[in-house]
PDB file of N, CA and C in Angstrom:
ATOM      1  N   UNK A   1      60.210  71.944 121.512  1.00  0.00           N
ATOM      2  CA  UNK A   1      61.603  71.891 120.990  1.00  0.00           C
ATOM      3  C   UNK A   1      62.761  72.199 121.802  1.00  0.00           C
ATOM      4  N   UNK A   2      63.532  71.001 121.310  1.00  0.00           N
ATOM      5  CA  UNK A   2      64.816  70.937 121.720  1.00  0.00           C
ATOM      6  C   UNK A   2      65.953  71.291 120.959  1.00  0.00           C
ATOM      7  N   UNK A   3      66.644  72.480 121.836  1.00  0.00           N
ATOM      8  CA  UNK A   3      68.102  73.090 120.424  1.00  0.00           C
ATOM      9  C   UNK A   3      68.969  72.249 120.404  1.00  0.00           C
ATOM     10  N   UNK A   4      69.867  72.953 119.878  1.00  0.00           N
ATOM     11  CA  UNK A   4      71.612  72.078 120.039  1.00  0.00           C
ATOM     12  C   UNK A   4      72.553  71.839 121.231  1.00  0.00           C
ATOM     13  N   UNK A   5      73.248  70.840 120.732  1.00  0.00           N
ATOM     14  CA  UNK A   5      74.360  70.679 121.965  1.00  0.00           C
ATOM     15  C   UNK A   5      75.132  71.485 121.401  1.00  0.00           C
ATOM     16  N   UNK A   6      75.933  72.329 122.845  1.00  0.00           N
ATOM     17  CA  UNK A   6      77.016  73.182 122.329  1.00  0.00           C
ATOM     18  C   UNK A   6      78.088  72.713 123.341  1.00  0.00           C
ATOM     19  N   UNK A   7      79.094  72.582 122.821  1.00  0.00           N
ATOM     20  CA  UNK A   7      80.412  72.516 123.427  1.00  0.00           C
ATOM     21  C   UNK A   7      81.696  73.548 123.336  1.00  0.00           C
ATOM     22  N   UNK A   8      82.243  73.612 124.421  1.00  0.00           N
ATOM     23  CA  UNK A   8      83.075  74.562 124.432  1.00  0.00           C
ATOM     24  C   UNK A   8      84.022  75.051 125.386  1.00  0.00           C
ATOM     25  N   UNK A   9      85.432  75.376 125.795  1.00  0.00           N
ATOM     26  CA  UNK A   9      86.214  75.329 126.525  1.00  0.00           C
ATOM     27  C   UNK A   9      86.572  76.749 127.335  1.00  0.00           C
ATOM     28  N   UNK A  10      86.157  77.457 128.488  1.00  0.00           N
ATOM     29  CA  UNK A  10      85.944  78.924 129.088  1.00  0.00           C
ATOM     30  C   UNK A  10      87.070  78.496 130.778  1.00  0.00           C
ATOM     31  N   UNK A  11      87.260  79.794 130.795  1.00  0.00           N
ATOM     32  CA  UNK A  11      87.926  79.460 131.842  1.00  0.00           C
ATOM     33  C   UNK A  11      86.891  80.010 133.735  1.00  0.00           C
ATOM     34  N   UNK A  12      87.338  79.436 134.624  1.00  0.00           N
ATOM     35  CA  UNK A  12      86.167  79.667 135.619  1.00  0.00           C
ATOM     36  C   UNK A  12      86.764  80.487 136.478  1.00  0.00           C
ATOM     37  N   UNK A  13      85.661  81.663 136.901  1.00  0.00           N
ATOM     38  CA  UNK A  13      85.576  82.888 137.098  1.00  0.00           C
ATOM     39  C   UNK A  13      84.849  82.699 138.153  1.00  0.00           C
ATOM     40  N   UNK A  14      85.196  84.041 139.120  1.00  0.00           N
ATOM     41  CA  UNK A  14      84.510  83.668 140.717  1.00  0.00           C
ATOM     42  C   UNK A  14      84.042  84.965 140.584  1.00  0.00           C
ATOM     43  N   UNK A  15      82.562  85.091 141.375  1.00  0.00           N
ATOM     44  CA  UNK A  15      81.845  86.506 141.779  1.00  0.00           C
ATOM     45  C   UNK A  15      81.803  86.282 143.012  1.00  0.00           C
ATOM     46  N   UNK A  16      82.538  87.399 144.198  1.00  0.00           N
ATOM     47  CA  UNK A  16      82.475  87.332 145.628  1.00  0.00           C
ATOM     48  C   UNK A  16      81.414  88.133 145.789  1.00  0.00           C
ATOM     49  N   UNK A  17      80.323  87.544 146.353  1.00  0.00           N
ATOM     50  CA  UNK A  17      79.410  88.198 147.172  1.00  0.00           C
ATOM     51  C   UNK A  17      78.663  88.387 148.467  1.00  0.00           C
ATOM     52  N   UNK A  18      78.491  89.307 149.274  1.00  0.00           N
ATOM     53  CA  UNK A  18      78.442  89.245 150.651  1.00  0.00           C
ATOM     54  C   UNK A  18      77.293  88.264 151.223  1.00  0.00           C
ATOM     55  N   UNK A  19      76.242  88.302 150.556  1.00  0.00           N
ATOM     56  CA  UNK A  19      75.231  87.291 150.768  1.00  0.00           C
ATOM     57  C   UNK A  19      74.872  85.964 150.758  1.00  0.00           C
ATOM     58  N   UNK A  20      75.916  85.533 149.378  1.00  0.00           N
ATOM     59  CA  UNK A  20      75.979  84.030 148.633  1.00  0.00           C
ATOM     60  C   UNK A  20      77.259  83.844 148.602  1.00  0.00           C
ATOM     61  N   UNK A  21      77.914  84.239 149.124  1.00  0.00           N
ATOM     62  CA  UNK A  21      79.963  84.157 148.928  1.00  0.00           C
ATOM     63  C   UNK A  21      79.763  83.847 147.821  1.00  0.00           C
ATOM     64  N   UNK A  22      81.089  83.229 147.281  1.00  0.00           N
ATOM     65  CA  UNK A  22      81.888  83.100 146.090  1.00  0.00           C
ATOM     66  C   UNK A  22      80.581  82.263 144.969  1.00  0.00           C
ATOM     67  N   UNK A  23      80.389  83.058 143.779  1.00  0.00           N
ATOM     68  CA  UNK A  23      79.776  81.876 143.419  1.00  0.00           C
ATOM     69  C   UNK A  23      80.452  81.959 141.989  1.00  0.00           C
ATOM     70  N   UNK A  24      80.753  80.848 141.457  1.00  0.00           N
ATOM     71  CA  UNK A  24      81.513  80.101 140.230  1.00  0.00           C
ATOM     72  C   UNK A  24      80.560  80.447 139.164  1.00  0.00           C
ATOM     73  N   UNK A  25      81.276  81.000 137.945  1.00  0.00           N
ATOM     74  CA  UNK A  25      80.334  81.219 136.693  1.00  0.00           C
ATOM     75  C   UNK A  25      81.696  81.231 135.843  1.00  0.00           C
ATOM     76  N   UNK A  26      80.921  80.866 134.344  1.00  0.00           N
ATOM     77  CA  UNK A  26      82.238  81.444 132.774  1.00  0.00           C
ATOM     78  C   UNK A  26      81.055  82.379 132.287  1.00  0.00           C
ATOM     79  N   UNK A  27      82.119  82.679 131.557  1.00  0.00           N
ATOM     80  CA  UNK A  27      80.898  83.627 130.293  1.00  0.00           C
ATOM     81  C   UNK A  27      81.483  83.294 128.944  1.00  0.00           C
ATOM     82  N   UNK A  28      79.890  83.496 128.276  1.00  0.00           N
ATOM     83  CA  UNK A  28      79.930  82.726 126.655  1.00  0.00           C
ATOM     84  C   UNK A  28      80.133  84.260 126.111  1.00  0.00           C
ATOM     85  N   UNK A  29      81.082  84.038 125.404  1.00  0.00           N
ATOM     86  CA  UNK A  29      80.712  84.646 124.223  1.00  0.00           C
ATOM     87  C   UNK A  29      81.514  84.384 122.969  1.00  0.00           C
ATOM     88  N   UNK A  30      81.513  85.362 122.106  1.00  0.00           N
ATOM     89  CA  UNK A  30      81.530  84.959 120.380  1.00  0.00           C
ATOM     90  C   UNK A  30      80.543  84.262 120.053  1.00  0.00           C
ATOM     91  N   UNK A  31      80.691  83.208 118.872  1.00  0.00           N
ATOM     92  CA  UNK A  31      79.765  82.267 118.128  1.00  0.00           C
ATOM     93  C   UNK A  31      79.043  81.758 118.885  1.00  0.00           C
ATOM     94  N   UNK A  32      79.573  80.925 119.994  1.00  0.00           N
ATOM     95  CA  UNK A  32      78.524  80.252 120.742  1.00  0.00           C
ATOM     96  C   UNK A  32      77.700  81.169 121.721  1.00  0.00           C
ATOM     97  N   UNK A  33      77.951  82.103 122.153  1.00  0.00           N
ATOM     98  CA  UNK A  33      76.697  83.347 122.449  1.00  0.00           C
ATOM     99  C   UNK A  33      76.173  83.678 121.228  1.00  0.00           C
ATOM    100  N   UNK A  34      76.390  83.545 120.328  1.00  0.00           N
ATOM    101  CA  UNK A  34      75.715  83.948 119.311  1.00  0.00           C
ATOM    102  C   UNK A  34      74.433  82.964 118.871  1.00  0.00           C
ATOM    103  N   UNK A  35      75.033  81.490 118.981  1.00  0.00           N
ATOM    104  CA  UNK A  35      74.311  80.736 118.753  1.00  0.00           C
ATOM    105  C   UNK A  35      73.401  80.116 119.974  1.00  0.00           C
ATOM    106  N   UNK A  36      73.382  80.591 120.912  1.00  0.00           N
ATOM    107  CA  UNK A  36      72.547  80.792 122.311  1.00  0.00           C
ATOM    108  C   UNK A  36      71.415  81.949 122.049  1.00  0.00           C
ATOM    109  N   UNK A  37      71.815  82.955 121.649  1.00  0.00           N
ATOM    110  CA  UNK A  37      70.943  84.047 121.662  1.00  0.00           C
ATOM    111  C   UNK A  37      69.883  83.377 120.159  1.00  0.00           C
ATOM    112  N   UNK A  38      70.882  83.001 119.172  1.00  0.00           N
ATOM    113  CA  UNK A  38      69.487  82.392 118.187  1.00  0.00           C
ATOM    114  C   UNK A  38      68.720  81.010 118.602  1.00  0.00           C
ATOM    115  N   UNK A  39      69.131  80.538 119.304  1.00  0.00           N
ATOM    116  CA  UNK A  39      68.018  79.580 119.768  1.00  0.00           C
ATOM    117  C   UNK A  39      67.023  80.515 121.022  1.00  0.00           C
ATOM    118  N   UNK A  40      67.260  81.837 121.442  1.00  0.00           N
ATOM    119  CA  UNK A  40      66.470  82.288 122.684  1.00  0.00           C
ATOM    120  C   UNK A  40      65.625  82.820 121.776  1.00  0.00           C
ATOM    121  N   UNK A  41      65.939  83.413 120.599  1.00  0.00           N
ATOM    122  CA  UNK A  41      65.012  84.324 120.098  1.00  0.00           C
ATOM    123  C   UNK A  41      64.098  83.015 118.995  1.00  0.00           C
ATOM    124  N   UNK A  42      64.382  82.003 118.864  1.00  0.00           N
ATOM    125  CA  UNK A  42      63.448  80.967 118.079  1.00  0.00           C
ATOM    126  C   UNK A  42      62.536  80.739 118.919  1.00  0.00           C
ATOM    127  N   UNK A  43      62.964  80.201 120.917  1.00  0.00           N
ATOM    128  CA  UNK A  43      62.168  80.141 121.275  1.00  0.00           C
ATOM    129  C   UNK A  43      60.982  81.328 122.068  1.00  0.00           C
ATOM    130  N   UNK A  44      61.053  82.606 121.998  1.00  0.00           N
ATOM    131  CA  UNK A  44      60.820  83.804 121.929  1.00  0.00           C
ATOM    132  C   UNK A  44      59.159  83.755 121.182  1.00  0.00           C
ATOM    133  N   UNK A  45      59.813  83.426 119.944  1.00  0.00           N
ATOM    134  CA  UNK A  45      58.881  83.580 118.472  1.00  0.00           C
ATOM    135  C   UNK A  45      58.130  81.780 118.910  1.00  0.00           C
ATOM    136  N   UNK A  46      58.269  80.965 119.473  1.00  0.00           N
ATOM    137  CA  UNK A  46      57.561  80.038 119.577  1.00  0.00           C
ATOM    138  C   UNK A  46      56.655  80.573 120.624  1.00  0.00           C
ATOM    139  N   UNK A  47      57.155  80.667 121.475  1.00  0.00           N
ATOM    140  CA  UNK A  47      56.190  80.913 123.062  1.00  0.00           C
ATOM    141  C   UNK A  47      55.390  82.051 122.744  1.00  0.00           C
ATOM    142  N   UNK A  48      56.024  83.149 122.028  1.00  0.00           N
ATOM    143  CA  UNK A  48      55.295  84.108 121.901  1.00  0.00           C
ATOM    144  C   UNK A  48      56.125  85.374 123.727  1.00  0.00           C
ATOM    145  N   UNK A  49      56.586  84.818 124.025  1.00  0.00           N
ATOM    146  CA  UNK A  49      57.291  85.525 125.428  1.00  0.00           C
ATOM    147  C   UNK A  49      59.024  85.174 125.690  1.00  0.00           C
ATOM    148  N   UNK A  50      59.732  85.955 126.693  1.00  0.00           N
ATOM    149  CA  UNK A  50      60.756  85.173 126.836  1.00  0.00           C
ATOM    150  C   UNK A  50      60.699  85.416 128.136  1.00  0.00           C
ATOM    151  N   UNK A  51      61.774  84.353 128.593  1.00  0.00           N
ATOM    152  CA  UNK A  51      61.674  83.496 129.914  1.00  0.00           C
ATOM    153  C   UNK A  51      62.459  84.897 131.077  1.00  0.00           C
ATOM    154  N   UNK A  52      62.345  85.020 132.320  1.00  0.00           N
ATOM    155  CA  UNK A  52      62.258  85.942 133.199  1.00  0.00           C
ATOM    156  C   UNK A  52      64.033  86.095 132.987  1.00  0.00           C
ATOM    157  N   UNK A  53      64.434  87.506 132.807  1.00  0.00           N
ATOM    158  CA  UNK A  53      65.688  87.968 132.549  1.00  0.00           C
ATOM    159  C   UNK A  53      66.422  87.473 131.660  1.00  0.00           C
ATOM    160  N   UNK A  54      65.532  87.227 130.708  1.00  0.00           N
ATOM    161  CA  UNK A  54      66.079  86.751 129.250  1.00  0.00           C
ATOM    162  C   UNK A  54      66.384  85.393 129.086  1.00  0.00           C
ATOM    163  N   UNK A  55      66.571  84.598 130.250  1.00  0.00           N
ATOM    164  CA  UNK A  55      67.500  83.080 130.420  1.00  0.00           C
ATOM    165  C   UNK A  55      67.167  82.215 129.318  1.00  0.00           C
ATOM    166  N   UNK A  56      68.021  81.769 129.218  1.00  0.00           N
ATOM    167  CA  UNK A  56      67.833  80.048 128.544  1.00  0.00           C
ATOM    168  C   UNK A  56      67.810  79.045 129.023  1.00  0.00           C
ATOM    169  N   UNK A  57      66.918  78.200 129.346  1.00  0.00           N
ATOM    170  CA  UNK A  57      67.375  76.824 130.215  1.00  0.00           C
ATOM    171  C   UNK A  57      68.258  76.125 129.604  1.00  0.00           C
ATOM    172  N   UNK A  58      69.136  75.377 130.349  1.00  0.00           N
ATOM    173  CA  UNK A  58      69.736  74.640 129.580  1.00  0.00           C
ATOM    174  C   UNK A  58      70.523  73.176 130.666  1.00  0.00           C
ATOM    175  N   UNK A  59      70.389  72.087 129.928  1.00  0.00           N
ATOM    176  CA  UNK A  59      71.117  70.871 130.907  1.00  0.00           C
ATOM    177  C   UNK A  59      72.482  71.253 130.575  1.00  0.00           C
ATOM    178  N   UNK A  60      73.854  71.584 131.529  1.00  0.00           N
ATOM    179  CA  UNK A  60      75.083  71.522 131.678  1.00  0.00           C
ATOM    180  C   UNK A  60      75.756  70.035 132.006  1.00  0.00           C
ATOM    181  N   UNK A  61      76.843  70.143 131.658  1.00  0.00           N
ATOM    182  CA  UNK A  61      77.564  69.145 131.997  1.00  0.00           C
ATOM    183  C   UNK A  61      79.167  69.374 131.784  1.00  0.00           C
ATOM    184  N   UNK A  62      80.043  69.296 132.822  1.00  0.00           N
ATOM    185  CA  UNK A  62      81.065  69.494 133.045  1.00  0.00           C
ATOM    186  C   UNK A  62      82.004  68.131 133.447  1.00  0.00           C
ATOM    187  N   UNK A  63      83.304  67.807 132.857  1.00  0.00           N
ATOM    188  CA  UNK A  63      83.409  66.196 133.541  1.00  0.00           C
ATOM    189  C   UNK A  63      82.224  65.260 133.905  1.00  0.00           C
ATOM    190  N   UNK A  64      82.348  64.789 135.243  1.00  0.00           N
ATOM    191  CA  UNK A  64      81.457  63.784 135.323  1.00  0.00           C
ATOM    192  C   UNK A  64      79.832  64.484 135.862  1.00  0.00           C
ATOM    193  N   UNK A  65      80.049  65.747 135.885  1.00  0.00           N
ATOM    194  CA  UNK A  65      78.839  66.401 136.692  1.00  0.00           C
ATOM    195  C   UNK A  65      77.616  66.855 135.747  1.00  0.00           C
ATOM    196  N   UNK A  66      76.791  66.627 135.883  1.00  0.00           N
ATOM    197  CA  UNK A  66      75.411  67.291 135.031  1.00  0.00           C
ATOM    198  C   UNK A  66      74.419  68.111 135.808  1.00  0.00           C
ATOM    199  N   UNK A  67      74.012  69.117 135.667  1.00  0.00           N
ATOM    200  CA  UNK A  67      73.020  70.090 135.893  1.00  0.00           C
ATOM    201  C   UNK A  67      71.998  70.478 135.211  1.00  0.00           C
ATOM    202  N   UNK A  68      70.780  70.771 135.726  1.00  0.00           N
ATOM    203  CA  UNK A  68      69.862  71.692 135.172  1.00  0.00           C
ATOM    204  C   UNK A  68      69.677  72.821 135.964  1.00  0.00           C
ATOM    205  N   UNK A  69      70.060  74.210 134.645  1.00  0.00           N
ATOM    206  CA  UNK A  69      70.333  75.344 135.559  1.00  0.00           C
ATOM    207  C   UNK A  69      69.778  75.949 133.899  1.00  0.00           C
ATOM    208  N   UNK A  70      69.857  77.479 134.228  1.00  0.00           N
ATOM    209  CA  UNK A  70      70.001  78.577 133.199  1.00  0.00           C
ATOM    210  C   UNK A  70      70.740  79.545 132.896  1.00  0.00           C
ATOM    211  N   UNK A  71      71.065  79.935 131.127  1.00  0.00           N
ATOM    212  CA  UNK A  71      72.461  81.171 131.027  1.00  0.00           C
ATOM    213  C   UNK A  71      71.504  82.307 131.052  1.00  0.00           C
ATOM    214  N   UNK A  72      72.383  83.467 131.119  1.00  0.00           N
ATOM    215  CA  UNK A  72      71.842  84.815 131.668  1.00  0.00           C
ATOM    216  C   UNK A  72      72.404  85.310 130.758  1.00  0.00           C
ATOM    217  N   UNK A  73      71.647  86.692 129.952  1.00  0.00           N
ATOM    218  CA  UNK A  73      72.394  87.555 128.714  1.00  0.00           C
ATOM    219  C   UNK A  73      73.096  88.235 129.889  1.00  0.00           C
ATOM    220  N   UNK A  74      74.298  88.640 129.462  1.00  0.00           N
ATOM    221  CA  UNK A  74      74.952  89.911 130.114  1.00  0.00           C
ATOM    222  C   UNK A  74      74.976  91.700 129.481  1.00  0.00           C
ATOM    223  N   UNK A  75      74.574  92.201 130.424  1.00  0.00           N
ATOM    224  CA  UNK A  75      74.353  93.540 129.094  1.00  0.00           C
ATOM    225  C   UNK A  75      75.727  93.810 128.183  1.00  0.00           C
ATOM    226  N   UNK A  76      76.781  93.540 128.918  1.00  0.00           N
ATOM    227  CA  UNK A  76      77.815  93.885 127.911  1.00  0.00           C
ATOM    228  C   UNK A  76      78.104  92.933 126.394  1.00  0.00           C
ATOM    229  N   UNK A  77      77.100  92.039 126.595  1.00  0.00           N
ATOM    230  CA  UNK A  77      76.975  91.128 125.362  1.00  0.00           C
ATOM    231  C   UNK A  77      77.536  89.916 126.173  1.00  0.00           C
ATOM    232  N   UNK A  78      77.461  88.908 125.368  1.00  0.00           N
ATOM    233  CA  UNK A  78      77.454  87.241 125.716  1.00  0.00           C
ATOM    234  C   UNK A  78      76.562  86.936 126.967  1.00  0.00           C
ATOM    235  N   UNK A  79      76.672  85.594 127.589  1.00  0.00           N
ATOM    236  CA  UNK A  79      75.676  84.964 128.382  1.00  0.00           C
ATOM    237  C   UNK A  79      76.584  84.427 129.409  1.00  0.00           C
ATOM    238  N   UNK A  80      75.962  84.495 130.582  1.00  0.00           N
ATOM    239  CA  UNK A  80      76.367  83.832 132.079  1.00  0.00           C
ATOM    240  C   UNK A  80      76.517  83.051 132.514  1.00  0.00           C
ATOM    241  N   UNK A  81      77.101  81.700 133.031  1.00  0.00           N
ATOM    242  CA  UNK A  81      76.430  80.489 133.190  1.00  0.00           C
ATOM    243  C   UNK A  81      77.157  80.305 134.364  1.00  0.00           C
ATOM    244  N   UNK A  82      75.627  80.311 135.632  1.00  0.00           N
ATOM    245  CA  UNK A  82      76.570  80.084 137.016  1.00  0.00           C
ATOM    246  C   UNK A  82      77.400  78.346 136.965  1.00  0.00           C
ATOM    247  N   UNK A  83      78.062  78.129 137.970  1.00  0.00           N
ATOM    248  CA  UNK A  83      78.565  77.013 138.212  1.00  0.00           C
ATOM    249  C   UNK A  83      78.013  76.778 139.688  1.00  0.00           C
ATOM    250  N   UNK A  84      77.460  75.749 139.654  1.00  0.00           N
ATOM    251  CA  UNK A  84      77.430  75.643 141.176  1.00  0.00           C
ATOM    252  C   UNK A  84      78.421  75.005 142.588  1.00  0.00           C
ATOM    253  N   UNK A  85      78.712  75.327 143.202  1.00  0.00           N
ATOM    254  CA  UNK A  85      79.556  75.545 144.457  1.00  0.00           C
ATOM    255  C   UNK A  85      79.703  73.493 144.293  1.00  0.00           C
ATOM    256  N   UNK A  86      78.755  72.632 144.440  1.00  0.00           N
ATOM    257  CA  UNK A  86      78.908  71.358 144.730  1.00  0.00           C
ATOM    258  C   UNK A  86      79.647  71.297 143.343  1.00  0.00           C
ATOM    259  N   UNK A  87      79.055  71.661 142.505  1.00  0.00           N
ATOM    260  CA  UNK A  87      79.902  71.035 140.846  1.00  0.00           C
ATOM    261  C   UNK A  87      81.461  71.454 141.156  1.00  0.00           C
ATOM    262  N   UNK A  88      81.722  72.088 141.666  1.00  0.00           N
ATOM    263  CA  UNK A  88      83.597  72.926 141.685  1.00  0.00           C
ATOM    264  C   UNK A  88      84.098  72.085 142.747  1.00  0.00           C
ATOM    265  N   UNK A  89      83.220  71.893 143.868  1.00  0.00           N
ATOM    266  CA  UNK A  89      83.969  70.858 144.912  1.00  0.00           C
ATOM    267  C   UNK A  89      84.062  69.382 144.046  1.00  0.00           C
ATOM    268  N   UNK A  90      83.053  69.187 143.876  1.00  0.00           N
ATOM    269  CA  UNK A  90      82.959  67.581 143.320  1.00  0.00           C
ATOM    270  C   UNK A  90      84.384  67.324 142.293  1.00  0.00           C
ATOM    271  N   UNK A  91      84.540  68.475 141.234  1.00  0.00           N
ATOM    272  CA  UNK A  91      85.351  68.114 140.311  1.00  0.00           C
ATOM    273  C   UNK A  91      86.342  68.435 140.583  1.00  0.00           C
ATOM    274  N   UNK A  92      86.749  69.234 141.483  1.00  0.00           N
ATOM    275  CA  UNK A  92      87.928  69.826 142.007  1.00  0.00           C
ATOM    276  C   UNK A  92      88.699  71.063 140.774  1.00  0.00           C
ATOM    277  N   UNK A  93      87.437  72.175 140.895  1.00  0.00           N
ATOM    278  CA  UNK A  93      87.866  72.789 139.847  1.00  0.00           C
ATOM    279  C   UNK A  93      88.142  74.473 141.093  1.00  0.00           C
ATOM    280  N   UNK A  94      88.930  75.046 140.310  1.00  0.00           N
ATOM    281  CA  UNK A  94      89.629  76.470 140.886  1.00  0.00           C
ATOM    282  C   UNK A  94      89.542  77.493 139.996  1.00  0.00           C
ATOM    283  N   UNK A  95      89.487  78.814 140.543  1.00  0.00           N
ATOM    284  CA  UNK A  95      89.392  79.991 139.730  1.00  0.00           C
ATOM    285  C   UNK A  95      90.787  79.736 138.768  1.00  0.00           C
ATOM    286  N   UNK A  96      90.316  80.170 137.202  1.00  0.00           N
ATOM    287  CA  UNK A  96      91.302  80.234 136.326  1.00  0.00           C
ATOM    288  C   UNK A  96      91.541  79.011 135.331  1.00  0.00           C
ATOM    289  N   UNK A  97      90.614  77.650 136.186  1.00  0.00           N
ATOM    290  CA  UNK A  97      90.646  76.308 135.267  1.00  0.00           C
ATOM    291  C   UNK A  97      89.648  76.735 134.253  1.00  0.00           C
ATOM    292  N   UNK A  98      90.396  76.000 132.999  1.00  0.00           N
ATOM    293  CA  UNK A  98      89.865  75.671 131.999  1.00  0.00           C
ATOM    294  C   UNK A  98      88.784  74.777 131.672  1.00  0.00           C
ATOM    295  N   UNK A  99      87.439  74.903 132.014  1.00  0.00           N
ATOM    296  CA  UNK A  99      86.571  73.821 131.901  1.00  0.00           C
ATOM    297  C   UNK A  99      86.052  73.549 130.524  1.00  0.00           C
ATOM    298  N   UNK A 100      85.845  72.409 130.085  1.00  0.00           N
ATOM    299  CA  UNK A 100      84.926  71.580 129.030  1.00  0.00           C
ATOM    300  C   UNK A 100      83.707  71.740 129.302  1.00  0.00           C
ATOM    301  N   UNK A 101      82.724  72.091 128.538  1.00  0.00           N
ATOM    302  CA  UNK A 101      81.798  72.500 129.457  1.00  0.00           C
ATOM    303  C   UNK A 101      80.573  71.875 127.735  1.00  0.00           C
ATOM    304  N   UNK A 102      79.367  71.146 128.320  1.00  0.00           N
ATOM    305  CA  UNK A 102      78.738  70.755 127.242  1.00  0.00           C
ATOM    306  C   UNK A 102      77.226  71.694 127.719  1.00  0.00           C
ATOM    307  N   UNK A 103      76.417  72.071 127.109  1.00  0.00           N
ATOM    308  CA  UNK A 103      75.296  72.620 127.182  1.00  0.00           C
ATOM    309  C   UNK A 103      74.447  71.968 126.359  1.00  0.00           C
ATOM    310  N   UNK A 104      73.293  71.391 126.843  1.00  0.00           N
ATOM    311  CA  UNK A 104      72.088  70.852 125.891  1.00  0.00           C
ATOM    312  C   UNK A 104      70.678  71.979 126.101  1.00  0.00           C
ATOM    313  N   UNK A 105      70.695  72.525 125.008  1.00  0.00           N
ATOM    314  CA  UNK A 105      69.559  74.277 125.228  1.00  0.00           C
ATOM    315  C   UNK A 105      68.540  73.576 125.395  1.00  0.00           C
ATOM    316  N   UNK A 106      67.757  73.848 125.858  1.00  0.00           N
ATOM    317  CA  UNK A 106      66.018  73.447 125.813  1.00  0.00           C
ATOM    318  C   UNK A 106      65.465  74.387 125.886  1.00  0.00           C
TER     319      UNK A 106
END
């Protein structure tokens, strides 16, 4: 079962870590987050279990870059989409830039 394609715009944020350096990410909230949560529930009912950390597999696209990753639920609500350093470099993204994102839910 492949899920819907979701398109949205969100600012790039950076999480500074000692171990891995800066990690780019996008926070997903509102109706977009609700759609991902609905898909996660449907997959859980279909498969009889949830994925690690409650994640949802996605095919992400920003600009000309495409990659396979997962979105992760946040305790405060919504979802967390990591954006690889290689993607940020290739697309010349910087903290605060509004990214036009396409997620194909898998």
